[in-house]
PDB file of all heavy atoms in Angstrom:
ATOM      1  N   ALA A   1       4.939   2.316  16.410  1.00  0.00           N
ATOM      2  CA  ALA A   1       4.485   0.919  16.388  1.00  0.00           C
ATOM      3  C   ALA A   1       5.136   0.209  15.215  1.00  0.00           C
ATOM      4  O   ALA A   1       5.456   0.818  14.189  1.00  0.00           O
ATOM      5  CB  ALA A   1       2.964   0.827  16.289  1.00  0.00           C
ATOM      6  N   MET A   2       5.333  -1.095  15.402  1.00  0.00           N
ATOM      7  CA  MET A   2       5.868  -1.926  14.323  1.00  0.00           C
ATOM      8  C   MET A   2       5.332  -3.337  14.515  1.00  0.00           C
ATOM      9  O   MET A   2       4.894  -3.702  15.613  1.00  0.00           O
ATOM     10  CB  MET A   2       7.399  -1.923  14.346  1.00  0.00           C
ATOM     11  CG  MET A   2       8.007  -2.556  15.576  1.00  0.00           C
ATOM     12  SD  MET A   2       9.808  -2.452  15.611  1.00  0.00           S
ATOM     13  CE  MET A   2      10.156  -3.674  16.895  1.00  0.00           C
ATOM     14  N   GLU A   3       5.325  -4.091  13.452  1.00  0.00           N
ATOM     15  CA  GLU A   3       4.887  -5.481  13.555  1.00  0.00           C
ATOM     16  C   GLU A   3       5.697  -6.350  12.610  1.00  0.00           C
ATOM     17  O   GLU A   3       6.207  -5.887  11.589  1.00  0.00           O
ATOM     18  CB  GLU A   3       3.398  -5.616  13.271  1.00  0.00           C
ATOM     19  CG  GLU A   3       2.941  -5.087  11.938  1.00  0.00           C
ATOM     20  CD  GLU A   3       1.413  -5.021  11.840  1.00  0.00           C
ATOM     21  OE1 GLU A   3       0.795  -4.264  12.604  1.00  0.00           O
ATOM     22  OE2 GLU A   3       0.856  -5.744  10.992  1.00  0.00           O
ATOM     23  N   ALA A   4       5.839  -7.600  12.994  1.00  0.00           N
ATOM     24  CA  ALA A   4       6.622  -8.532  12.194  1.00  0.00           C
ATOM     25  C   ALA A   4       5.925  -8.827  10.877  1.00  0.00           C
ATOM     26  O   ALA A   4       4.690  -8.864  10.799  1.00  0.00           O
ATOM     27  CB  ALA A   4       6.846  -9.827  12.971  1.00  0.00           C
ATOM     28  N   GLU A   5       6.723  -9.032   9.868  1.00  0.00           N
ATOM     29  CA  GLU A   5       6.176  -9.461   8.589  1.00  0.00           C
ATOM     30  C   GLU A   5       5.620 -10.877   8.733  1.00  0.00           C
ATOM     31  O   GLU A   5       6.155 -11.690   9.481  1.00  0.00           O
ATOM     32  CB  GLU A   5       7.275  -9.408   7.528  1.00  0.00           C
ATOM     33  CG  GLU A   5       7.843  -8.005   7.322  1.00  0.00           C
ATOM     34  CD  GLU A   5       9.101  -7.983   6.468  1.00  0.00           C
ATOM     35  OE1 GLU A   5       9.680  -9.074   6.257  1.00  0.00           O
ATOM     36  OE2 GLU A   5       9.520  -6.890   6.044  1.00  0.00           O
ATOM     37  N   GLY A   6       4.553 -11.184   8.030  1.00  0.00           N
ATOM     38  CA  GLY A   6       3.961 -12.509   8.099  1.00  0.00           C
ATOM     39  C   GLY A   6       2.704 -12.520   8.953  1.00  0.00           C
ATOM     40  O   GLY A   6       2.240 -11.491   9.449  1.00  0.00           O
ATOM     41  N   GLU A   7       2.145 -13.707   9.139  1.00  0.00           N
ATOM     42  CA  GLU A   7       0.853 -13.849   9.802  1.00  0.00           C
ATOM     43  C   GLU A   7       0.933 -13.800  11.324  1.00  0.00           C
ATOM     44  O   GLU A   7      -0.024 -13.418  11.988  1.00  0.00           O
ATOM     45  CB  GLU A   7       0.196 -15.178   9.384  1.00  0.00           C
ATOM     46  CG  GLU A   7      -0.190 -15.229   7.910  1.00  0.00           C
ATOM     47  CD  GLU A   7      -1.162 -14.123   7.541  1.00  0.00           C
ATOM     48  OE1 GLU A   7      -2.127 -13.913   8.313  1.00  0.00           O
ATOM     49  OE2 GLU A   7      -0.958 -13.468   6.509  1.00  0.00           O
ATOM     50  N   ARG A   8       2.048 -14.187  11.884  1.00  0.00           N
ATOM     51  CA  ARG A   8       2.152 -14.267  13.342  1.00  0.00           C
ATOM     52  C   ARG A   8       2.041 -12.894  13.985  1.00  0.00           C
ATOM     53  O   ARG A   8       2.552 -11.903  13.471  1.00  0.00           O
ATOM     54  CB  ARG A   8       3.485 -14.922  13.704  1.00  0.00           C
ATOM     55  CG  ARG A   8       3.736 -15.072  15.193  1.00  0.00           C
ATOM     56  CD  ARG A   8       5.006 -15.870  15.433  1.00  0.00           C
ATOM     57  NE  ARG A   8       5.552 -15.585  16.744  1.00  0.00           N
ATOM     58  CZ  ARG A   8       6.811 -15.237  16.990  1.00  0.00           C
ATOM     59  NH1 ARG A   8       7.665 -15.142  15.985  1.00  0.00           N
ATOM     60  NH2 ARG A   8       7.222 -14.997  18.210  1.00  0.00           N
ATOM     61  N   PHE A   9       1.354 -12.833  15.135  1.00  0.00           N
ATOM     62  CA  PHE A   9       1.166 -11.585  15.872  1.00  0.00           C
ATOM     63  C   PHE A   9       2.427 -11.294  16.684  1.00  0.00           C
ATOM     64  O   PHE A   9       2.649 -11.866  17.754  1.00  0.00           O
ATOM     65  CB  PHE A   9      -0.049 -11.705  16.792  1.00  0.00           C
ATOM     66  CG  PHE A   9      -0.462 -10.393  17.435  1.00  0.00           C
ATOM     67  CD1 PHE A   9      -1.593  -9.735  17.003  1.00  0.00           C
ATOM     68  CD2 PHE A   9       0.265  -9.846  18.476  1.00  0.00           C
ATOM     69  CE1 PHE A   9      -1.992  -8.532  17.596  1.00  0.00           C
ATOM     70  CE2 PHE A   9      -0.112  -8.651  19.077  1.00  0.00           C
ATOM     71  CZ  PHE A   9      -1.249  -7.988  18.620  1.00  0.00           C
ATOM     72  N   VAL A  10       3.270 -10.419  16.161  1.00  0.00           N
ATOM     73  CA  VAL A  10       4.431  -9.903  16.894  1.00  0.00           C
ATOM     74  C   VAL A  10       4.397  -8.396  16.693  1.00  0.00           C
ATOM     75  O   VAL A  10       4.809  -7.882  15.651  1.00  0.00           O
ATOM     76  CB  VAL A  10       5.760 -10.492  16.400  1.00  0.00           C
ATOM     77  CG1 VAL A  10       6.915  -9.990  17.265  1.00  0.00           C
ATOM     78  CG2 VAL A  10       5.723 -12.012  16.416  1.00  0.00           C
ATOM     79  N   VAL A  11       3.860  -7.694  17.664  1.00  0.00           N
ATOM     80  CA  VAL A  11       3.579  -6.266  17.547  1.00  0.00           C
ATOM     81  C   VAL A  11       4.282  -5.520  18.674  1.00  0.00           C
ATOM     82  O   VAL A  11       4.244  -5.951  19.833  1.00  0.00           O
ATOM     83  CB  VAL A  11       2.063  -5.990  17.604  1.00  0.00           C
ATOM     84  CG1 VAL A  11       1.777  -4.496  17.621  1.00  0.00           C
ATOM     85  CG2 VAL A  11       1.359  -6.646  16.412  1.00  0.00           C
ATOM     86  N   GLY A  12       4.925  -4.428  18.332  1.00  0.00           N
ATOM     87  CA  GLY A  12       5.514  -3.555  19.336  1.00  0.00           C
ATOM     88  C   GLY A  12       4.899  -2.180  19.263  1.00  0.00           C
ATOM     89  O   GLY A  12       4.678  -1.656  18.163  1.00  0.00           O
ATOM     90  N   VAL A  13       4.594  -1.593  20.407  1.00  0.00           N
ATOM     91  CA  VAL A  13       4.100  -0.218  20.468  1.00  0.00           C
ATOM     92  C   VAL A  13       4.994   0.575  21.409  1.00  0.00           C
ATOM     93  O   VAL A  13       5.384   0.080  22.467  1.00  0.00           O
ATOM     94  CB  VAL A  13       2.625  -0.141  20.908  1.00  0.00           C
ATOM     95  CG1 VAL A  13       1.720  -0.776  19.862  1.00  0.00           C
ATOM     96  CG2 VAL A  13       2.391  -0.787  22.264  1.00  0.00           C
ATOM     97  N   GLN A  14       5.320   1.801  21.016  1.00  0.00           N
ATOM     98  CA  GLN A  14       6.199   2.623  21.827  1.00  0.00           C
ATOM     99  C   GLN A  14       5.452   3.276  22.991  1.00  0.00           C
ATOM    100  O   GLN A  14       6.061   3.776  23.928  1.00  0.00           O
ATOM    101  CB  GLN A  14       6.852   3.696  20.939  1.00  0.00           C
ATOM    102  CG  GLN A  14       7.930   4.508  21.600  1.00  0.00           C
ATOM    103  CD  GLN A  14       9.078   3.674  22.127  1.00  0.00           C
ATOM    104  OE1 GLN A  14       9.912   3.200  21.361  1.00  0.00           O
ATOM    105  NE2 GLN A  14       9.136   3.468  23.438  1.00  0.00           N
ATOM    106  N   TRP A  15       4.138   3.218  22.935  1.00  0.00           N
ATOM    107  CA  TRP A  15       3.336   3.813  23.989  1.00  0.00           C
ATOM    108  C   TRP A  15       2.921   2.777  25.028  1.00  0.00           C
ATOM    109  O   TRP A  15       3.274   1.601  24.950  1.00  0.00           O
ATOM    110  CB  TRP A  15       2.129   4.526  23.406  1.00  0.00           C
ATOM    111  CG  TRP A  15       1.097   3.657  22.737  1.00  0.00           C
ATOM    112  CD1 TRP A  15       0.064   2.990  23.331  1.00  0.00           C
ATOM    113  CD2 TRP A  15       0.964   3.387  21.327  1.00  0.00           C
ATOM    114  NE1 TRP A  15      -0.696   2.320  22.393  1.00  0.00           N
ATOM    115  CE2 TRP A  15      -0.170   2.555  21.165  1.00  0.00           C
ATOM    116  CE3 TRP A  15       1.678   3.779  20.190  1.00  0.00           C
ATOM    117  CZ2 TRP A  15      -0.593   2.115  19.911  1.00  0.00           C
ATOM    118  CZ3 TRP A  15       1.260   3.332  18.941  1.00  0.00           C
ATOM    119  CH2 TRP A  15       0.144   2.507  18.811  1.00  0.00           C
ATOM    120  N   HIS A  16       2.130   3.218  26.008  1.00  0.00           N
ATOM    121  CA  HIS A  16       1.670   2.351  27.100  1.00  0.00           C
ATOM    122  C   HIS A  16       0.151   2.172  27.014  1.00  0.00           C
ATOM    123  O   HIS A  16      -0.597   2.916  27.644  1.00  0.00           O
ATOM    124  CB  HIS A  16       2.064   2.942  28.454  1.00  0.00           C
ATOM    125  CG  HIS A  16       3.515   2.772  28.770  1.00  0.00           C
ATOM    126  ND1 HIS A  16       3.989   1.708  29.522  1.00  0.00           N
ATOM    127  CD2 HIS A  16       4.594   3.503  28.413  1.00  0.00           C
ATOM    128  CE1 HIS A  16       5.309   1.812  29.621  1.00  0.00           C
ATOM    129  NE2 HIS A  16       5.695   2.884  28.962  1.00  0.00           N
ATOM    130  N   PRO A  17      -0.313   1.169  26.259  1.00  0.00           N
ATOM    131  CA  PRO A  17      -1.758   0.965  26.128  1.00  0.00           C
ATOM    132  C   PRO A  17      -2.413   0.543  27.430  1.00  0.00           C
ATOM    133  O   PRO A  17      -3.611   0.750  27.617  1.00  0.00           O
ATOM    134  CB  PRO A  17      -1.872  -0.137  25.067  1.00  0.00           C
ATOM    135  CG  PRO A  17      -0.572  -0.874  25.150  1.00  0.00           C
ATOM    136  CD  PRO A  17       0.445   0.170  25.482  1.00  0.00           C
ATOM    137  N   GLU A  18      -1.639  -0.048  28.348  1.00  0.00           N
ATOM    138  CA  GLU A  18      -2.215  -0.483  29.624  1.00  0.00           C
ATOM    139  C   GLU A  18      -2.593   0.710  30.500  1.00  0.00           C
ATOM    140  O   GLU A  18      -3.504   0.610  31.340  1.00  0.00           O
ATOM    141  CB  GLU A  18      -1.226  -1.399  30.367  1.00  0.00           C
ATOM    142  CG  GLU A  18      -0.081  -0.719  31.094  1.00  0.00           C
ATOM    143  CD  GLU A  18       1.047  -0.233  30.194  1.00  0.00           C
ATOM    144  OE1 GLU A  18       0.955  -0.418  28.959  1.00  0.00           O
ATOM    145  OE2 GLU A  18       2.023   0.334  30.725  1.00  0.00           O
ATOM    146  N   VAL A  19      -1.940   1.854  30.288  1.00  0.00           N
ATOM    147  CA  VAL A  19      -2.216   3.041  31.102  1.00  0.00           C
ATOM    148  C   VAL A  19      -3.571   3.639  30.744  1.00  0.00           C
ATOM    149  O   VAL A  19      -4.344   4.042  31.619  1.00  0.00           O
ATOM    150  CB  VAL A  19      -1.094   4.083  30.925  1.00  0.00           C
ATOM    151  CG1 VAL A  19      -1.473   5.422  31.558  1.00  0.00           C
ATOM    152  CG2 VAL A  19       0.199   3.561  31.542  1.00  0.00           C
ATOM    153  N   MET A  20      -3.871   3.693  29.438  1.00  0.00           N
ATOM    154  CA  MET A  20      -5.140   4.261  28.977  1.00  0.00           C
ATOM    155  C   MET A  20      -6.192   3.183  28.728  1.00  0.00           C
ATOM    156  O   MET A  20      -7.262   3.471  28.202  1.00  0.00           O
ATOM    157  CB  MET A  20      -4.912   5.092  27.711  1.00  0.00           C
ATOM    158  CG  MET A  20      -3.961   6.263  27.920  1.00  0.00           C
ATOM    159  SD  MET A  20      -3.709   7.287  26.451  1.00  0.00           S
ATOM    160  CE  MET A  20      -5.269   8.159  26.368  1.00  0.00           C
ATOM    161  N   MET A  21      -5.848   1.940  29.098  1.00  0.00           N
ATOM    162  CA  MET A  21      -6.757   0.801  28.908  1.00  0.00           C
ATOM    163  C   MET A  21      -7.303   0.763  27.477  1.00  0.00           C
ATOM    164  O   MET A  21      -8.506   0.682  27.243  1.00  0.00           O
ATOM    165  CB  MET A  21      -7.894   0.851  29.929  1.00  0.00           C
ATOM    166  CG  MET A  21      -7.456   0.489  31.336  1.00  0.00           C
ATOM    167  SD  MET A  21      -6.779  -1.203  31.476  1.00  0.00           S
ATOM    168  CE  MET A  21      -8.292  -2.166  31.463  1.00  0.00           C
ATOM    169  N   GLN A  22      -6.382   0.830  26.508  1.00  0.00           N
ATOM    170  CA  GLN A  22      -6.754   0.726  25.098  1.00  0.00           C
ATOM    171  C   GLN A  22      -6.909  -0.764  24.775  1.00  0.00           C
ATOM    172  O   GLN A  22      -6.003  -1.424  24.276  1.00  0.00           O
ATOM    173  CB  GLN A  22      -5.700   1.421  24.237  1.00  0.00           C
ATOM    174  CG  GLN A  22      -5.760   2.937  24.399  1.00  0.00           C
ATOM    175  CD  GLN A  22      -4.547   3.654  23.858  1.00  0.00           C
ATOM    176  OE1 GLN A  22      -3.438   3.139  23.889  1.00  0.00           O
ATOM    177  NE2 GLN A  22      -4.754   4.860  23.361  1.00  0.00           N
ATOM    178  N   GLN A  23      -8.095  -1.263  25.074  1.00  0.00           N
ATOM    179  CA  GLN A  23      -8.310  -2.706  25.117  1.00  0.00           C
ATOM    180  C   GLN A  23      -8.354  -3.374  23.758  1.00  0.00           C
ATOM    181  O   GLN A  23      -8.163  -4.581  23.668  1.00  0.00           O
ATOM    182  CB  GLN A  23      -9.596  -3.012  25.897  1.00  0.00           C
ATOM    183  CG  GLN A  23      -9.442  -2.915  27.397  1.00  0.00           C
ATOM    184  CD  GLN A  23      -8.343  -3.841  27.910  1.00  0.00           C
ATOM    185  OE1 GLN A  23      -7.258  -3.378  28.257  1.00  0.00           O
ATOM    186  NE2 GLN A  23      -8.597  -5.132  27.960  1.00  0.00           N
ATOM    187  N   SER A  24      -8.601  -2.621  22.693  1.00  0.00           N
ATOM    188  CA  SER A  24      -8.662  -3.277  21.387  1.00  0.00           C
ATOM    189  C   SER A  24      -7.331  -3.946  21.047  1.00  0.00           C
ATOM    190  O   SER A  24      -7.304  -5.040  20.471  1.00  0.00           O
ATOM    191  CB  SER A  24      -9.047  -2.263  20.305  1.00  0.00           C
ATOM    192  OG  SER A  24      -8.087  -1.213  20.224  1.00  0.00           O
ATOM    193  N   LEU A  25      -6.224  -3.327  21.404  1.00  0.00           N
ATOM    194  CA  LEU A  25      -4.914  -3.929  21.147  1.00  0.00           C
ATOM    195  C   LEU A  25      -4.733  -5.201  21.962  1.00  0.00           C
ATOM    196  O   LEU A  25      -4.277  -6.231  21.443  1.00  0.00           O
ATOM    197  CB  LEU A  25      -3.813  -2.920  21.469  1.00  0.00           C
ATOM    198  CG  LEU A  25      -2.366  -3.416  21.295  1.00  0.00           C
ATOM    199  CD1 LEU A  25      -2.107  -3.862  19.866  1.00  0.00           C
ATOM    200  CD2 LEU A  25      -1.385  -2.315  21.698  1.00  0.00           C
ATOM    201  N   PHE A  26      -5.098  -5.158  23.230  1.00  0.00           N
ATOM    202  CA  PHE A  26      -4.970  -6.349  24.070  1.00  0.00           C
ATOM    203  C   PHE A  26      -5.925  -7.454  23.615  1.00  0.00           C
ATOM    204  O   PHE A  26      -5.573  -8.629  23.639  1.00  0.00           O
ATOM    205  CB  PHE A  26      -5.213  -5.998  25.533  1.00  0.00           C
ATOM    206  CG  PHE A  26      -4.071  -5.251  26.169  1.00  0.00           C
ATOM    207  CD1 PHE A  26      -4.140  -3.891  26.365  1.00  0.00           C
ATOM    208  CD2 PHE A  26      -2.910  -5.914  26.542  1.00  0.00           C
ATOM    209  CE1 PHE A  26      -3.076  -3.196  26.929  1.00  0.00           C
ATOM    210  CE2 PHE A  26      -1.837  -5.239  27.111  1.00  0.00           C
ATOM    211  CZ  PHE A  26      -1.925  -3.866  27.305  1.00  0.00           C
ATOM    212  N   ARG A  27      -7.134  -7.070  23.174  1.00  0.00           N
ATOM    213  CA  ARG A  27      -8.063  -8.101  22.685  1.00  0.00           C
ATOM    214  C   ARG A  27      -7.523  -8.777  21.436  1.00  0.00           C
ATOM    215  O   ARG A  27      -7.650  -9.997  21.272  1.00  0.00           O
ATOM    216  CB  ARG A  27      -9.442  -7.477  22.423  1.00  0.00           C
ATOM    217  CG  ARG A  27     -10.224  -7.167  23.693  1.00  0.00           C
ATOM    218  CD  ARG A  27     -11.684  -6.894  23.375  1.00  0.00           C
ATOM    219  NE  ARG A  27     -11.853  -5.680  22.570  1.00  0.00           N
ATOM    220  CZ  ARG A  27     -12.050  -4.464  23.067  1.00  0.00           C
ATOM    221  NH1 ARG A  27     -12.096  -4.284  24.376  1.00  0.00           N
ATOM    222  NH2 ARG A  27     -12.204  -3.426  22.272  1.00  0.00           N
ATOM    223  N   GLY A  28      -6.914  -7.991  20.545  1.00  0.00           N
ATOM    224  CA  GLY A  28      -6.312  -8.589  19.349  1.00  0.00           C
ATOM    225  C   GLY A  28      -5.187  -9.545  19.697  1.00  0.00           C
ATOM    226  O   GLY A  28      -5.055 -10.614  19.096  1.00  0.00           O
ATOM    227  N   PHE A  29      -4.388  -9.165  20.679  1.00  0.00           N
ATOM    228  CA  PHE A  29      -3.301 -10.029  21.148  1.00  0.00           C
ATOM    229  C   PHE A  29      -3.856 -11.312  21.756  1.00  0.00           C
ATOM    230  O   PHE A  29      -3.370 -12.418  21.464  1.00  0.00           O
ATOM    231  CB  PHE A  29      -2.468  -9.250  22.164  1.00  0.00           C
ATOM    232  CG  PHE A  29      -1.437 -10.068  22.893  1.00  0.00           C
ATOM    233  CD1 PHE A  29      -0.408 -10.694  22.216  1.00  0.00           C
ATOM    234  CD2 PHE A  29      -1.494 -10.183  24.271  1.00  0.00           C
ATOM    235  CE1 PHE A  29       0.551 -11.440  22.896  1.00  0.00           C
ATOM    236  CE2 PHE A  29      -0.541 -10.917  24.960  1.00  0.00           C
ATOM    237  CZ  PHE A  29       0.475 -11.548  24.270  1.00  0.00           C
ATOM    238  N   ILE A  30      -4.882 -11.187  22.589  1.00  0.00           N
ATOM    239  CA  ILE A  30      -5.475 -12.363  23.228  1.00  0.00           C
ATOM    240  C   ILE A  30      -6.110 -13.280  22.196  1.00  0.00           C
ATOM    241  O   ILE A  30      -6.004 -14.517  22.287  1.00  0.00           O
ATOM    242  CB  ILE A  30      -6.496 -11.947  24.303  1.00  0.00           C
ATOM    243  CG1 ILE A  30      -5.801 -11.261  25.479  1.00  0.00           C
ATOM    244  CG2 ILE A  30      -7.291 -13.151  24.787  1.00  0.00           C
ATOM    245  CD1 ILE A  30      -4.788 -12.114  26.193  1.00  0.00           C
ATOM    246  N   GLU A  31      -6.770 -12.717  21.199  1.00  0.00           N
ATOM    247  CA  GLU A  31      -7.371 -13.558  20.152  1.00  0.00           C
ATOM    248  C   GLU A  31      -6.284 -14.324  19.405  1.00  0.00           C
ATOM    249  O   GLU A  31      -6.463 -15.498  19.063  1.00  0.00           O
ATOM    250  CB  GLU A  31      -8.194 -12.702  19.187  1.00  0.00           C
ATOM    251  CG  GLU A  31      -9.517 -12.229  19.770  1.00  0.00           C
ATOM    252  CD  GLU A  31     -10.336 -13.384  20.328  1.00  0.00           C
ATOM    253  OE1 GLU A  31     -10.550 -14.374  19.589  1.00  0.00           O
ATOM    254  OE2 GLU A  31     -10.750 -13.314  21.496  1.00  0.00           O
ATOM    255  N   ALA A  32      -5.142 -13.681  19.143  1.00  0.00           N
ATOM    256  CA  ALA A  32      -4.029 -14.391  18.509  1.00  0.00           C
ATOM    257  C   ALA A  32      -3.516 -15.511  19.403  1.00  0.00           C
ATOM    258  O   ALA A  32      -3.104 -16.568  18.912  1.00  0.00           O
ATOM    259  CB  ALA A  32      -2.904 -13.400  18.179  1.00  0.00           C
ATOM    260  N   ALA A  33      -3.547 -15.290  20.711  1.00  0.00           N
ATOM    261  CA  ALA A  33      -3.054 -16.307  21.658  1.00  0.00           C
ATOM    262  C   ALA A  33      -4.005 -17.490  21.774  1.00  0.00           C
ATOM    263  O   ALA A  33      -3.604 -18.538  22.289  1.00  0.00           O
ATOM    264  CB  ALA A  33      -2.835 -15.666  23.030  1.00  0.00           C
ATOM    265  N   ARG A  34      -5.231 -17.337  21.340  1.00  0.00           N
ATOM    266  CA  ARG A  34      -6.185 -18.452  21.381  1.00  0.00           C
ATOM    267  C   ARG A  34      -5.890 -19.477  20.282  1.00  0.00           C
ATOM    268  O   ARG A  34      -6.327 -20.631  20.358  1.00  0.00           O
ATOM    269  CB  ARG A  34      -7.614 -17.944  21.194  1.00  0.00           C
ATOM    270  CG  ARG A  34      -8.138 -17.076  22.311  1.00  0.00           C
ATOM    271  CD  ARG A  34      -9.608 -16.750  22.092  1.00  0.00           C
ATOM    272  NE  ARG A  34     -10.043 -15.636  22.920  1.00  0.00           N
ATOM    273  CZ  ARG A  34     -10.429 -15.747  24.183  1.00  0.00           C
ATOM    274  NH1 ARG A  34     -10.435 -16.933  24.765  1.00  0.00           N
ATOM    275  NH2 ARG A  34     -10.808 -14.683  24.857  1.00  0.00           N
ATOM    276  N   VAL A  35      -5.167 -19.073  19.254  1.00  0.00           N
ATOM    277  CA  VAL A  35      -4.859 -19.957  18.132  1.00  0.00           C
ATOM    278  C   VAL A  35      -3.656 -20.807  18.501  1.00  0.00           C
ATOM    279  O   VAL A  35      -2.633 -20.265  18.959  1.00  0.00           O
ATOM    280  CB  VAL A  35      -4.555 -19.145  16.853  1.00  0.00           C
ATOM    281  CG1 VAL A  35      -4.210 -20.068  15.702  1.00  0.00           C
ATOM    282  CG2 VAL A  35      -5.746 -18.257  16.515  1.00  0.00           C
ATOM    283  N   PRO A  36      -3.718 -22.119  18.339  1.00  0.00           N
ATOM    284  CA  PRO A  36      -2.566 -22.966  18.677  1.00  0.00           C
ATOM    285  C   PRO A  36      -1.302 -22.489  17.956  1.00  0.00           C
ATOM    286  O   PRO A  36      -1.332 -22.167  16.777  1.00  0.00           O
ATOM    287  CB  PRO A  36      -2.992 -24.361  18.181  1.00  0.00           C
ATOM    288  CG  PRO A  36      -4.479 -24.320  18.213  1.00  0.00           C
ATOM    289  CD  PRO A  36      -4.870 -22.915  17.861  1.00  0.00           C
TER     290      PRO A  36
END
């Protein structure tokens, strides 16, 4: 996993969170998307 420096949510994971439904990662992404 890696993420961009700074406040903006730019996160990469080498695994497949959608396969194991690891929802905390997706919820964090969605919460970031709620911010203009």
